[in-house]
N, C-alpha and C. Protein backbone atom coordinates (compact mmCIF):
# COMPACT_ATOMS: atom_id res chain seq x y z
N UNK A 1 -78.16 -22.17 -64.36
CA UNK A 1 -76.93 -22.87 -64.84
C UNK A 1 -76.43 -22.18 -66.13
N UNK A 2 -75.18 -21.80 -66.13
CA UNK A 2 -74.73 -21.10 -67.28
C UNK A 2 -74.19 -22.23 -68.35
N UNK A 3 -74.62 -21.82 -69.48
CA UNK A 3 -74.20 -22.80 -70.66
C UNK A 3 -72.69 -22.81 -70.77
N UNK A 4 -72.26 -24.11 -71.17
CA UNK A 4 -70.79 -24.28 -71.36
C UNK A 4 -70.62 -24.31 -72.94
N UNK A 5 -69.63 -23.62 -73.43
CA UNK A 5 -69.33 -23.43 -74.79
C UNK A 5 -67.89 -23.95 -75.15
N UNK A 6 -67.70 -24.50 -76.18
CA UNK A 6 -66.31 -24.80 -76.58
C UNK A 6 -65.60 -23.51 -76.85
N UNK A 7 -64.25 -23.56 -77.08
CA UNK A 7 -63.41 -22.39 -77.21
C UNK A 7 -63.85 -21.84 -78.66
N UNK A 8 -64.16 -22.82 -79.56
CA UNK A 8 -64.55 -22.32 -80.93
C UNK A 8 -65.90 -21.59 -80.89
N UNK A 9 -66.88 -22.18 -80.09
CA UNK A 9 -68.10 -21.58 -80.01
C UNK A 9 -68.00 -20.09 -79.42
N UNK A 10 -67.15 -20.15 -78.28
CA UNK A 10 -67.02 -18.87 -77.68
C UNK A 10 -66.44 -17.76 -78.58
N UNK A 11 -65.47 -18.10 -79.39
CA UNK A 11 -65.03 -17.13 -80.45
C UNK A 11 -66.05 -16.78 -81.41
N UNK A 12 -66.90 -17.64 -81.76
CA UNK A 12 -67.94 -17.40 -82.78
C UNK A 12 -69.01 -16.41 -82.11
N UNK A 13 -69.35 -16.64 -80.80
CA UNK A 13 -70.35 -15.89 -80.18
C UNK A 13 -69.73 -14.43 -80.00
N UNK A 14 -68.43 -14.21 -79.75
CA UNK A 14 -67.85 -12.93 -79.59
C UNK A 14 -67.87 -12.14 -80.85
N UNK A 15 -67.56 -12.74 -81.95
CA UNK A 15 -67.64 -11.95 -83.27
C UNK A 15 -69.11 -11.69 -83.51
N UNK A 16 -70.06 -12.57 -83.37
CA UNK A 16 -71.43 -12.27 -83.64
C UNK A 16 -71.91 -11.10 -82.75
N UNK A 17 -71.57 -11.02 -81.47
CA UNK A 17 -71.85 -9.91 -80.70
C UNK A 17 -71.43 -8.74 -81.18
N UNK A 18 -70.31 -8.67 -81.81
CA UNK A 18 -69.69 -7.42 -82.23
C UNK A 18 -70.33 -6.90 -83.57
N UNK A 19 -71.09 -7.69 -84.24
CA UNK A 19 -71.58 -7.33 -85.55
C UNK A 19 -73.00 -6.74 -85.46
N UNK A 20 -73.28 -5.81 -86.41
CA UNK A 20 -74.73 -5.26 -86.38
C UNK A 20 -75.63 -6.04 -87.23
N UNK A 21 -75.09 -6.81 -88.26
CA UNK A 21 -75.85 -7.54 -89.22
C UNK A 21 -75.55 -9.04 -89.13
N UNK A 22 -76.46 -9.86 -89.78
CA UNK A 22 -76.22 -11.27 -89.90
C UNK A 22 -75.04 -11.50 -90.89
N UNK A 23 -74.36 -12.63 -90.74
CA UNK A 23 -73.14 -12.95 -91.50
C UNK A 23 -73.13 -14.33 -92.07
N UNK A 24 -72.69 -14.56 -93.20
CA UNK A 24 -72.56 -16.00 -93.70
C UNK A 24 -71.43 -16.64 -93.02
N UNK A 25 -71.54 -17.92 -93.04
CA UNK A 25 -70.48 -18.82 -92.35
C UNK A 25 -69.12 -18.53 -93.02
N UNK A 26 -69.05 -18.36 -94.26
CA UNK A 26 -67.74 -18.04 -94.97
C UNK A 26 -67.20 -16.73 -94.54
N UNK A 27 -68.16 -15.68 -94.43
CA UNK A 27 -67.64 -14.41 -93.91
C UNK A 27 -67.22 -14.40 -92.55
N UNK A 28 -67.99 -15.23 -91.71
CA UNK A 28 -67.53 -15.42 -90.35
C UNK A 28 -66.16 -16.02 -90.20
N UNK A 29 -65.92 -17.00 -91.10
CA UNK A 29 -64.64 -17.66 -91.08
C UNK A 29 -63.54 -16.67 -91.41
N UNK A 30 -63.77 -15.72 -92.39
CA UNK A 30 -62.79 -14.67 -92.73
C UNK A 30 -62.56 -13.76 -91.60
N UNK A 31 -63.75 -13.37 -91.08
CA UNK A 31 -63.75 -12.34 -89.84
C UNK A 31 -62.97 -12.92 -88.69
N UNK A 32 -63.13 -14.16 -88.46
CA UNK A 32 -62.30 -14.76 -87.31
C UNK A 32 -60.83 -14.80 -87.63
N UNK A 33 -60.66 -15.05 -88.90
CA UNK A 33 -59.18 -15.13 -89.21
C UNK A 33 -58.60 -13.67 -89.18
N UNK A 34 -59.36 -12.67 -89.65
CA UNK A 34 -58.82 -11.31 -89.56
C UNK A 34 -58.63 -10.72 -88.08
N UNK A 35 -59.37 -11.35 -87.24
CA UNK A 35 -59.27 -10.94 -85.77
C UNK A 35 -58.32 -11.96 -85.01
N UNK A 36 -57.44 -12.63 -85.75
CA UNK A 36 -56.39 -13.51 -85.16
C UNK A 36 -56.96 -14.53 -84.37
N UNK A 37 -58.26 -15.14 -84.70
CA UNK A 37 -58.89 -16.13 -84.01
C UNK A 37 -59.27 -17.24 -85.13
N UNK A 38 -58.28 -17.68 -85.92
CA UNK A 38 -58.58 -18.56 -87.03
C UNK A 38 -59.22 -19.91 -86.55
N UNK A 39 -60.24 -20.34 -87.21
CA UNK A 39 -60.87 -21.58 -87.17
C UNK A 39 -61.06 -22.13 -88.47
N UNK A 40 -61.03 -23.40 -88.62
CA UNK A 40 -61.33 -24.06 -89.84
C UNK A 40 -62.75 -23.82 -90.35
N UNK A 41 -63.11 -23.78 -91.64
CA UNK A 41 -64.44 -23.53 -92.08
C UNK A 41 -65.44 -24.61 -91.61
N UNK A 42 -64.94 -25.79 -91.56
CA UNK A 42 -65.79 -26.89 -91.03
C UNK A 42 -66.10 -26.69 -89.45
N UNK A 43 -65.09 -26.26 -88.83
CA UNK A 43 -65.34 -25.88 -87.47
C UNK A 43 -66.40 -24.76 -87.20
N UNK A 44 -66.28 -23.78 -88.09
CA UNK A 44 -67.22 -22.62 -88.06
C UNK A 44 -68.55 -23.15 -88.29
N UNK A 45 -68.85 -24.04 -89.30
CA UNK A 45 -70.09 -24.57 -89.57
C UNK A 45 -70.62 -25.41 -88.39
N UNK A 46 -69.74 -26.33 -87.86
CA UNK A 46 -70.15 -27.20 -86.74
C UNK A 46 -70.56 -26.34 -85.50
N UNK A 47 -69.66 -25.22 -85.27
CA UNK A 47 -70.03 -24.44 -84.08
C UNK A 47 -71.40 -23.71 -84.29
N UNK A 48 -71.59 -23.09 -85.46
CA UNK A 48 -72.88 -22.39 -85.75
C UNK A 48 -74.00 -23.47 -85.50
N UNK A 49 -73.97 -24.65 -86.10
CA UNK A 49 -75.09 -25.56 -85.93
C UNK A 49 -75.24 -25.96 -84.46
N UNK A 50 -74.16 -26.21 -83.71
CA UNK A 50 -74.29 -26.50 -82.32
C UNK A 50 -75.03 -25.29 -81.60
N UNK A 51 -74.67 -24.13 -81.92
CA UNK A 51 -75.28 -22.95 -81.18
C UNK A 51 -76.68 -22.70 -81.59
N UNK A 52 -77.01 -23.06 -82.86
CA UNK A 52 -78.45 -23.06 -83.36
C UNK A 52 -79.26 -24.11 -82.39
N UNK A 53 -78.70 -25.23 -82.27
CA UNK A 53 -79.45 -26.20 -81.53
C UNK A 53 -79.57 -25.89 -80.06
N UNK A 54 -78.77 -24.96 -79.53
CA UNK A 54 -78.97 -24.52 -78.14
C UNK A 54 -79.71 -23.18 -78.11
N UNK A 55 -80.24 -22.71 -79.20
CA UNK A 55 -80.99 -21.53 -79.27
C UNK A 55 -80.29 -20.13 -79.06
N UNK A 56 -79.00 -20.27 -79.30
CA UNK A 56 -78.09 -19.14 -79.12
C UNK A 56 -78.03 -18.35 -80.43
N UNK A 57 -77.94 -19.04 -81.57
CA UNK A 57 -77.81 -18.44 -82.93
C UNK A 57 -79.01 -18.90 -83.71
N UNK A 58 -79.30 -17.90 -84.64
CA UNK A 58 -80.33 -18.19 -85.65
C UNK A 58 -79.85 -18.03 -87.00
N UNK A 59 -80.56 -18.62 -87.99
CA UNK A 59 -80.13 -18.41 -89.32
C UNK A 59 -81.37 -18.07 -90.26
N UNK A 60 -81.03 -17.44 -91.24
CA UNK A 60 -82.04 -17.15 -92.27
C UNK A 60 -81.46 -17.37 -93.54
N UNK A 61 -82.22 -17.87 -94.50
CA UNK A 61 -81.79 -18.38 -95.90
C UNK A 61 -82.25 -17.25 -96.84
N UNK A 62 -81.22 -16.68 -97.61
CA UNK A 62 -81.60 -15.64 -98.60
C UNK A 62 -82.20 -16.44 -99.82
N UNK A 63 -82.86 -15.61 -100.78
CA UNK A 63 -83.33 -16.20 -101.99
C UNK A 63 -82.25 -16.82 -102.83
N UNK A 64 -80.98 -16.58 -102.57
CA UNK A 64 -79.86 -17.09 -103.30
C UNK A 64 -79.41 -18.48 -102.83
N UNK A 65 -80.07 -18.78 -101.59
CA UNK A 65 -79.71 -19.99 -100.99
C UNK A 65 -78.63 -19.86 -99.82
N UNK A 66 -77.96 -18.69 -99.74
CA UNK A 66 -77.01 -18.57 -98.70
C UNK A 66 -77.69 -18.29 -97.40
N UNK A 67 -77.05 -18.92 -96.34
CA UNK A 67 -77.57 -18.78 -94.96
C UNK A 67 -76.82 -17.67 -94.24
N UNK A 68 -77.47 -16.80 -93.53
CA UNK A 68 -76.86 -15.79 -92.74
C UNK A 68 -77.19 -16.14 -91.23
N UNK A 69 -76.16 -15.88 -90.39
CA UNK A 69 -76.22 -16.25 -89.05
C UNK A 69 -76.17 -15.03 -88.09
N UNK A 70 -76.86 -14.96 -87.08
CA UNK A 70 -76.81 -13.95 -86.00
C UNK A 70 -77.20 -14.51 -84.60
N UNK A 71 -76.87 -13.71 -83.59
CA UNK A 71 -77.28 -14.23 -82.32
C UNK A 71 -78.76 -13.92 -82.22
N UNK A 72 -79.38 -14.79 -81.33
CA UNK A 72 -80.82 -14.68 -81.04
C UNK A 72 -80.97 -13.61 -80.07
N UNK A 73 -81.11 -12.40 -80.45
CA UNK A 73 -81.32 -11.27 -79.47
C UNK A 73 -82.74 -10.64 -79.57
N UNK A 74 -83.11 -10.48 -80.80
CA UNK A 74 -84.48 -9.95 -81.02
C UNK A 74 -84.98 -10.46 -82.41
N UNK A 75 -86.21 -10.55 -82.51
CA UNK A 75 -86.71 -11.07 -83.82
C UNK A 75 -86.57 -9.87 -84.94
N UNK A 76 -86.23 -10.33 -85.96
CA UNK A 76 -86.07 -9.24 -87.16
C UNK A 76 -86.71 -9.97 -88.35
N UNK A 77 -87.48 -9.28 -89.06
CA UNK A 77 -88.27 -9.81 -90.19
C UNK A 77 -87.87 -9.03 -91.46
N UNK A 78 -88.12 -9.71 -92.60
CA UNK A 78 -87.60 -9.08 -93.85
C UNK A 78 -88.62 -9.33 -94.89
N UNK A 79 -88.51 -8.23 -95.86
CA UNK A 79 -89.15 -8.44 -97.22
C UNK A 79 -87.93 -8.58 -98.23
N UNK A 80 -88.11 -9.51 -99.22
CA UNK A 80 -86.97 -9.85 -99.99
C UNK A 80 -87.43 -9.86 -101.41
N UNK A 81 -86.63 -9.05 -102.28
CA UNK A 81 -86.87 -8.97 -103.70
C UNK A 81 -86.18 -10.18 -104.34
N UNK A 82 -87.14 -10.93 -105.15
CA UNK A 82 -86.71 -12.04 -105.99
C UNK A 82 -86.01 -11.67 -107.24
N UNK A 83 -86.07 -10.32 -107.56
CA UNK A 83 -85.36 -9.95 -108.75
C UNK A 83 -83.92 -9.49 -108.47
N UNK A 84 -83.78 -8.69 -107.62
CA UNK A 84 -82.42 -8.21 -107.38
C UNK A 84 -81.76 -8.93 -106.14
N UNK A 85 -82.49 -9.48 -105.31
CA UNK A 85 -81.97 -10.20 -104.15
C UNK A 85 -81.83 -9.27 -102.93
N UNK A 86 -82.12 -8.05 -102.88
CA UNK A 86 -82.05 -7.22 -101.75
C UNK A 86 -82.99 -7.62 -100.68
N UNK A 87 -82.67 -7.41 -99.51
CA UNK A 87 -83.57 -7.82 -98.22
C UNK A 87 -83.62 -6.37 -97.55
N UNK A 88 -84.89 -6.18 -97.06
CA UNK A 88 -85.27 -4.91 -96.33
C UNK A 88 -85.77 -5.45 -95.03
N UNK A 89 -85.26 -4.91 -93.87
CA UNK A 89 -85.84 -5.25 -92.53
C UNK A 89 -87.10 -4.53 -92.42
N UNK A 90 -88.11 -5.26 -91.71
CA UNK A 90 -89.30 -4.57 -91.28
C UNK A 90 -89.27 -4.50 -89.74
N UNK A 91 -89.82 -3.48 -89.20
CA UNK A 91 -89.64 -3.27 -87.82
C UNK A 91 -90.84 -3.48 -87.00
N UNK A 92 -91.53 -4.49 -87.37
CA UNK A 92 -92.76 -4.92 -86.52
C UNK A 92 -92.78 -6.43 -86.50
N UNK A 93 -93.53 -6.96 -85.57
CA UNK A 93 -93.62 -8.48 -85.47
C UNK A 93 -95.05 -8.78 -85.30
N UNK A 94 -95.67 -9.07 -86.36
CA UNK A 94 -97.16 -9.37 -86.38
C UNK A 94 -97.58 -10.75 -85.71
N UNK A 95 -96.51 -11.58 -85.48
CA UNK A 95 -96.90 -12.90 -84.94
C UNK A 95 -96.28 -13.24 -83.51
N UNK A 96 -95.83 -12.16 -82.75
CA UNK A 96 -95.37 -12.26 -81.42
C UNK A 96 -96.36 -12.97 -80.44
N UNK A 97 -97.63 -12.55 -80.72
CA UNK A 97 -98.67 -13.25 -79.82
C UNK A 97 -98.83 -14.59 -80.11
N UNK A 98 -98.79 -15.00 -81.38
CA UNK A 98 -98.93 -16.30 -81.80
C UNK A 98 -97.78 -17.16 -81.18
N UNK A 99 -96.58 -16.73 -81.13
CA UNK A 99 -95.42 -17.35 -80.50
C UNK A 99 -95.73 -17.67 -78.98
N UNK A 100 -96.23 -16.71 -78.37
CA UNK A 100 -96.51 -16.87 -76.92
C UNK A 100 -97.60 -18.01 -76.71
N UNK A 101 -98.64 -17.94 -77.57
CA UNK A 101 -99.72 -18.82 -77.51
C UNK A 101 -99.21 -20.28 -77.78
N UNK A 102 -98.36 -20.43 -78.79
CA UNK A 102 -97.76 -21.78 -79.06
C UNK A 102 -97.02 -22.28 -77.95
N UNK A 103 -96.18 -21.47 -77.35
CA UNK A 103 -95.42 -21.84 -76.14
C UNK A 103 -96.30 -22.41 -75.01
N UNK A 104 -97.44 -21.69 -74.68
CA UNK A 104 -98.26 -22.11 -73.65
C UNK A 104 -99.07 -23.33 -74.03
N UNK A 105 -99.65 -23.36 -75.27
CA UNK A 105 -100.53 -24.42 -75.58
C UNK A 105 -99.77 -25.77 -75.77
N UNK A 106 -98.68 -25.73 -76.37
CA UNK A 106 -97.85 -26.97 -76.63
C UNK A 106 -96.78 -27.19 -75.62
N UNK A 107 -96.60 -26.34 -74.65
CA UNK A 107 -95.45 -26.49 -73.74
C UNK A 107 -94.14 -26.61 -74.49
N UNK A 108 -93.92 -25.68 -75.39
CA UNK A 108 -92.88 -25.70 -76.32
C UNK A 108 -91.99 -24.37 -76.16
N UNK A 109 -90.72 -24.60 -75.99
CA UNK A 109 -89.89 -23.45 -75.93
C UNK A 109 -89.48 -22.93 -77.23
N UNK A 110 -89.89 -21.75 -77.62
CA UNK A 110 -89.57 -21.15 -78.99
C UNK A 110 -88.22 -20.38 -78.74
N UNK A 111 -87.15 -20.75 -79.55
CA UNK A 111 -86.02 -19.89 -79.51
C UNK A 111 -86.15 -18.67 -80.31
N UNK A 112 -86.65 -18.67 -81.48
CA UNK A 112 -86.86 -17.67 -82.32
C UNK A 112 -87.83 -18.03 -83.46
N UNK A 113 -88.23 -17.09 -84.20
CA UNK A 113 -89.04 -17.37 -85.36
C UNK A 113 -88.73 -16.48 -86.43
N UNK A 114 -89.02 -16.80 -87.65
CA UNK A 114 -88.65 -16.08 -88.74
C UNK A 114 -90.07 -15.71 -89.60
N UNK A 115 -89.99 -14.58 -90.23
CA UNK A 115 -91.11 -14.09 -90.95
C UNK A 115 -90.45 -13.40 -92.26
N UNK A 116 -90.76 -13.92 -93.32
CA UNK A 116 -90.20 -13.31 -94.57
C UNK A 116 -91.22 -13.26 -95.61
N UNK A 117 -91.27 -12.14 -96.42
CA UNK A 117 -92.12 -11.96 -97.59
C UNK A 117 -91.22 -11.90 -98.79
N UNK A 118 -91.67 -12.42 -99.88
CA UNK A 118 -90.96 -12.47 -101.16
C UNK A 118 -91.73 -11.76 -102.30
N UNK A 119 -91.11 -11.01 -103.03
CA UNK A 119 -91.74 -10.16 -104.14
C UNK A 119 -90.75 -9.43 -104.88
N UNK A 120 -91.16 -8.29 -105.42
CA UNK A 120 -90.31 -7.45 -106.07
C UNK A 120 -90.28 -6.04 -105.46
N UNK A 121 -89.00 -5.45 -105.31
CA UNK A 121 -88.99 -4.11 -104.76
C UNK A 121 -89.43 -3.12 -105.72
N UNK A 122 -89.65 -1.94 -105.21
CA UNK A 122 -90.17 -0.82 -106.11
C UNK A 122 -89.35 -0.58 -107.38
N UNK A 123 -88.05 -0.60 -107.18
CA UNK A 123 -87.18 -0.43 -108.41
C UNK A 123 -87.28 -1.51 -109.41
N UNK A 124 -87.32 -2.64 -108.95
CA UNK A 124 -87.46 -3.85 -109.88
C UNK A 124 -88.85 -3.87 -110.58
N UNK A 125 -89.88 -3.59 -109.71
CA UNK A 125 -91.23 -3.53 -110.30
C UNK A 125 -91.32 -2.35 -111.39
N UNK A 126 -90.69 -1.27 -111.11
CA UNK A 126 -90.80 -0.13 -112.02
C UNK A 126 -90.08 -0.51 -113.36
N UNK A 127 -89.05 -1.19 -113.22
CA UNK A 127 -88.27 -1.57 -114.49
C UNK A 127 -89.12 -2.55 -115.39
N UNK A 128 -90.01 -3.29 -114.76
CA UNK A 128 -90.79 -4.26 -115.58
C UNK A 128 -92.03 -3.80 -116.04
N UNK A 129 -92.51 -2.51 -115.68
CA UNK A 129 -93.62 -1.88 -116.16
C UNK A 129 -93.38 -1.08 -117.36
N UNK A 130 -93.98 -1.39 -118.51
CA UNK A 130 -93.70 -0.67 -119.80
C UNK A 130 -94.16 0.72 -119.81
């Protein structure tokens, strides 16, 4: 059975599909407006939350507290610098097997998972070493 989306959710999904990176709700609001598909900011937030509940969209929170949204297409994990705020994608998933075991053991459908590490990047670490 194909999922039914509201017109607003359909617009959000289309924009997210066209992007290479995750986007904040505020930037998504601007992107929709720039593409002549304006939605209210509250509608964008409601749409993102509804799509998250359906397992279509995932979010991750930056060290600044800002949430970034993207489609659930594949797992992407990050290392995050607490000094400069940069995030670096890591291209492996050390917990994929755990996800599969959890699904089987608990009869639980996992939509996505996140794995993030926090520390200081090489540049920030080098600045702090006398």
